[in-house]
N, C-alpha and C. Protein backbone atom coordinates (compact mmCIF):
# COMPACT_ATOMS: atom_id res chain seq x y z
N MET A 1 1.15 -1.50 -0.22
CA MET A 1 0.06 -0.10 -0.02
C MET A 1 1.18 1.08 -0.26
N ARG A 2 0.26 2.57 -0.97
CA ARG A 2 1.05 3.24 -0.78
C ARG A 2 -0.18 4.68 -0.20
N LEU A 3 0.49 5.70 0.76
CA LEU A 3 -0.91 6.63 1.13
C LEU A 3 0.49 7.36 0.79
N TYR A 4 0.05 8.52 0.11
CA TYR A 4 -0.11 10.24 0.29
C TYR A 4 -0.55 11.19 0.62
N GLY A 5 0.19 11.96 1.49
CA GLY A 5 -0.24 13.03 2.16
C GLY A 5 -0.38 14.02 1.80
N ARG A 6 -0.95 15.21 2.31
CA ARG A 6 -0.79 16.80 2.15
C ARG A 6 -1.19 17.37 3.07
N ILE A 7 -0.25 18.50 3.66
CA ILE A 7 -1.29 19.91 4.16
C ILE A 7 -1.46 20.73 3.70
N ILE A 8 -2.51 21.48 3.87
CA ILE A 8 -3.47 22.43 2.98
C ILE A 8 -4.02 23.38 3.93
N LYS A 9 -3.95 24.76 3.02
CA LYS A 9 -4.33 25.63 4.15
C LYS A 9 -4.74 26.95 2.97
N GLY A 10 -6.21 26.72 2.84
CA GLY A 10 -6.39 28.01 1.54
C GLY A 10 -6.67 26.68 0.44
N LYS A 11 -5.62 27.26 -0.37
CA LYS A 11 -5.67 26.73 -1.52
C LYS A 11 -4.43 26.29 -2.26
N LYS A 12 -3.75 26.41 -1.21
CA LYS A 12 -2.35 26.13 -0.93
C LYS A 12 -1.82 24.73 -0.20
N ILE A 13 -1.58 23.91 -1.38
CA ILE A 13 -0.47 23.07 -0.24
C ILE A 13 1.14 23.27 0.22
N LEU A 14 0.87 23.11 1.75
CA LEU A 14 2.37 23.28 2.45
C LEU A 14 3.40 22.72 2.00
N LYS A 15 2.90 20.88 2.72
CA LYS A 15 3.43 20.02 2.54
C LYS A 15 3.32 18.56 1.90
N GLU A 16 4.15 17.58 1.38
CA GLU A 16 3.71 16.21 1.05
C GLU A 16 4.28 15.56 1.27
N ALA A 17 4.17 14.55 1.74
CA ALA A 17 4.17 13.26 1.70
C ALA A 17 4.02 11.83 1.34
N VAL A 18 4.82 11.02 1.30
CA VAL A 18 4.40 9.29 1.08
C VAL A 18 4.94 8.10 1.82
N ALA A 19 4.08 7.52 2.01
CA ALA A 19 4.15 6.12 3.24
C ALA A 19 3.90 5.12 2.56
N GLU A 20 5.07 3.69 2.21
CA GLU A 20 4.47 3.11 2.09
C GLU A 20 4.65 2.00 2.53
N ASN A 21 4.12 1.17 2.42
CA ASN A 21 4.05 -0.17 3.30
C ASN A 21 3.61 -1.40 2.75
N ASN A 22 4.80 -2.94 2.34
CA ASN A 22 4.64 -3.47 1.28
C ASN A 22 4.14 -5.34 1.88
N GLU A 23 4.02 -4.74 3.58
CA GLU A 23 4.01 -6.66 4.52
C GLU A 23 2.75 -7.30 4.36
N ALA A 24 3.49 -8.30 4.46
CA ALA A 24 1.62 -9.21 4.06
C ALA A 24 0.95 -8.95 5.48
N ILE A 25 0.24 -8.03 5.29
CA ILE A 25 -0.80 -7.48 6.69
C ILE A 25 -1.97 -7.18 6.56
N PRO A 26 -3.08 -7.07 7.18
CA PRO A 26 -4.27 -6.73 7.20
C PRO A 26 -4.02 -5.38 6.58
N TYR A 27 -5.44 -4.76 5.32
CA TYR A 27 -5.21 -3.54 5.47
C TYR A 27 -4.99 -2.50 6.54
N ASN A 28 -6.18 -3.16 6.82
CA ASN A 28 -5.98 -2.12 8.51
C ASN A 28 -5.10 -1.57 8.89
N ASP A 29 -4.33 -2.19 9.07
CA ASP A 29 -3.25 -2.26 9.47
C ASP A 29 -2.20 -1.49 8.13
N ALA A 30 -1.85 -2.07 7.46
CA ALA A 30 -1.27 -1.19 6.72
C ALA A 30 -1.18 0.57 6.46
N LEU A 31 -2.78 0.50 6.56
CA LEU A 31 -3.18 1.67 6.68
C LEU A 31 -3.00 2.30 7.59
N GLU A 32 -2.98 2.31 8.82
CA GLU A 32 -2.71 2.97 10.05
C GLU A 32 -1.29 3.26 10.17
N ARG A 33 -0.43 2.17 9.67
CA ARG A 33 1.02 2.01 9.65
C ARG A 33 1.08 3.41 8.14
N CYS A 34 0.92 3.37 7.17
CA CYS A 34 1.13 4.59 6.74
C CYS A 34 0.67 5.58 6.71
N LEU A 35 -0.81 6.02 7.23
CA LEU A 35 -1.15 6.97 7.92
C LEU A 35 -0.26 7.96 8.92
N ILE A 36 0.43 6.91 9.68
CA ILE A 36 1.57 7.27 10.93
C ILE A 36 3.01 7.22 10.42
N GLY A 37 3.46 6.79 9.45
CA GLY A 37 4.40 7.66 8.58
C GLY A 37 4.19 8.83 8.30
N VAL A 38 3.24 8.88 7.15
CA VAL A 38 2.88 10.27 6.16
C VAL A 38 2.86 11.50 7.29
N CYS A 39 1.92 10.99 8.79
CA CYS A 39 1.90 11.91 9.72
C CYS A 39 3.78 12.35 10.78
N LYS A 40 4.46 11.30 10.67
CA LYS A 40 5.71 11.23 10.86
C LYS A 40 6.80 12.24 9.87
N GLU A 41 6.67 12.38 8.85
CA GLU A 41 6.86 12.95 7.82
C GLU A 41 6.91 14.08 7.72
N LEU A 42 5.34 14.08 8.16
CA LEU A 42 4.95 15.89 7.74
C LEU A 42 4.97 16.75 8.91
N ASP A 43 5.63 16.05 9.73
CA ASP A 43 5.52 16.21 11.25
C ASP A 43 4.33 17.15 11.49
N VAL A 44 3.14 16.45 11.90
CA VAL A 44 2.06 16.63 12.32
C VAL A 44 1.64 15.35 13.60
N GLN A 45 0.84 16.13 14.07
CA GLN A 45 0.14 14.60 15.20
C GLN A 45 -0.93 13.81 14.01
N VAL A 46 -0.68 12.51 14.59
CA VAL A 46 -2.23 11.28 14.07
C VAL A 46 -3.09 11.55 14.13
N PRO A 47 -4.12 12.67 13.45
CA PRO A 47 -5.79 12.44 13.88
C PRO A 47 -6.37 11.39 14.12
N MET A 48 -7.60 11.89 14.56
CA MET A 48 -8.68 10.89 14.92
C MET A 48 -9.20 9.83 13.34
N TRP A 49 -9.52 8.46 13.40
CA TRP A 49 -9.87 8.05 12.26
C TRP A 49 -11.56 8.41 13.32
N LEU A 50 -12.71 9.00 12.05
CA LEU A 50 -13.75 9.21 12.39
C LEU A 50 -14.73 8.46 11.99
N LYS A 51 -15.80 8.16 11.51
CA LYS A 51 -16.67 7.26 11.12
C LYS A 51 -16.74 7.79 9.35
N ASN A 52 -16.76 9.39 9.05
CA ASN A 52 -17.62 9.97 7.85
C ASN A 52 -15.61 9.67 6.97
N ASN A 53 -14.66 9.70 7.70
CA ASN A 53 -12.91 9.15 7.10
C ASN A 53 -13.88 7.28 6.72
N THR A 54 -13.79 6.74 7.27
CA THR A 54 -13.76 6.04 6.80
C THR A 54 -14.41 5.55 5.50
N SER A 55 -15.72 6.29 5.34
CA SER A 55 -16.68 6.01 4.12
C SER A 55 -16.14 6.82 2.88
N GLU A 56 -15.44 7.52 2.98
CA GLU A 56 -15.21 8.55 1.93
C GLU A 56 -13.44 7.66 1.74
N PHE A 57 -13.43 7.31 2.70
CA PHE A 57 -11.88 6.35 2.22
C PHE A 57 -12.49 4.86 1.38
N VAL A 58 -13.72 4.37 1.72
CA VAL A 58 -13.80 2.95 1.08
C VAL A 58 -14.75 3.47 -0.41
N ASN A 59 -15.21 4.68 -0.56
CA ASN A 59 -15.91 4.81 -1.60
C ASN A 59 -14.34 6.17 -2.45
N TYR A 60 -14.02 6.51 -2.02
CA TYR A 60 -13.24 7.83 -2.98
C TYR A 60 -11.61 7.43 -2.66
N LYS A 61 -11.03 6.09 -2.03
CA LYS A 61 -9.71 6.00 -2.10
C LYS A 61 -8.76 7.63 -1.27
N ARG A 62 -9.42 8.34 -0.59
CA ARG A 62 -9.55 9.60 -0.25
C ARG A 62 -10.11 10.47 0.82
N THR A 63 -9.57 11.10 1.67
CA THR A 63 -10.21 11.34 3.19
C THR A 63 -9.50 13.23 3.43
N PHE A 64 -10.65 13.69 4.20
CA PHE A 64 -9.51 14.57 4.79
C PHE A 64 -9.76 14.99 6.30
N PHE A 65 -8.53 15.56 7.00
CA PHE A 65 -8.76 15.40 8.72
C PHE A 65 -8.92 16.95 8.45
N ARG A 66 -9.81 17.90 9.41
CA ARG A 66 -9.70 18.93 9.89
C ARG A 66 -9.84 19.04 11.18
N GLU A 67 -9.05 20.25 11.71
CA GLU A 67 -8.98 20.81 12.91
C GLU A 67 -9.70 19.84 14.11
N GLU A 68 -10.81 19.26 14.40
CA GLU A 68 -11.80 18.59 15.05
C GLU A 68 -11.44 17.27 14.89
N HIS A 69 -10.30 16.81 14.18
CA HIS A 69 -9.98 15.54 14.33
C HIS A 69 -9.08 15.23 15.23
N PHE A 70 -8.51 16.46 15.32
CA PHE A 70 -7.10 16.49 15.86
C PHE A 70 -6.99 17.29 17.64
N VAL A 71 -6.06 16.49 18.34
CA VAL A 71 -6.67 17.24 19.89
C VAL A 71 -6.05 18.20 19.94
N GLU A 72 -4.93 18.73 18.97
CA GLU A 72 -4.14 19.95 19.84
C GLU A 72 -4.59 21.00 18.39
N ALA A 73 -4.25 22.33 18.24
CA ALA A 73 -4.47 23.00 17.62
C ALA A 73 -3.76 22.93 16.15
N ILE A 74 -3.70 22.78 15.21
CA ILE A 74 -3.60 22.90 13.87
C ILE A 74 -3.22 24.09 13.53
N LYS A 75 -2.09 24.47 12.14
CA LYS A 75 -2.05 25.63 11.91
C LYS A 75 -2.67 25.67 10.33
N PHE A 76 -2.57 24.54 9.69
CA PHE A 76 -3.56 25.12 8.37
C PHE A 76 -5.34 24.28 8.36
N ASP A 77 -5.36 24.27 7.54
CA ASP A 77 -6.86 24.13 7.47
C ASP A 77 -7.01 22.50 7.41
N LYS A 78 -6.32 22.12 6.39
CA LYS A 78 -6.69 20.31 6.26
C LYS A 78 -5.64 19.46 6.02
N LEU A 79 -5.53 17.81 6.38
CA LEU A 79 -4.66 17.03 5.96
C LEU A 79 -5.19 16.09 5.40
N GLU A 80 -4.92 15.83 3.94
CA GLU A 80 -5.77 15.24 2.95
C GLU A 80 -4.78 13.77 2.81
N ILE A 81 -5.62 12.57 3.07
CA ILE A 81 -4.68 11.25 2.50
C ILE A 81 -5.33 10.68 0.86
N ARG A 82 -4.78 10.03 -0.04
CA ARG A 82 -4.96 8.88 -0.65
C ARG A 82 -4.41 8.61 -1.21
N ALA A 83 -5.27 7.05 -1.34
CA ALA A 83 -4.27 5.36 -1.28
C ALA A 83 -4.33 5.49 -2.82
N GLU A 84 -3.32 4.57 -3.17
CA GLU A 84 -2.61 4.39 -4.62
C GLU A 84 -2.82 2.90 -4.63
């Protein structure tokens, strides 16, 4: 699995990162490891994964995390992740 992440403020992309996991593990575990890897590369905290994120990711292979997904304050509008 390969997961792309980018930090967006307004209409501007501030940072991008990629994380990959090729281990023979369940999809959920690979997704979690890649999300943690992307967040580490982007130097942001790992967001809370909510029900709407699951729906978006299943249907579109993409989801967004906004301020309500983070415990601490963020300095950007959203974190987007997408799988390929």
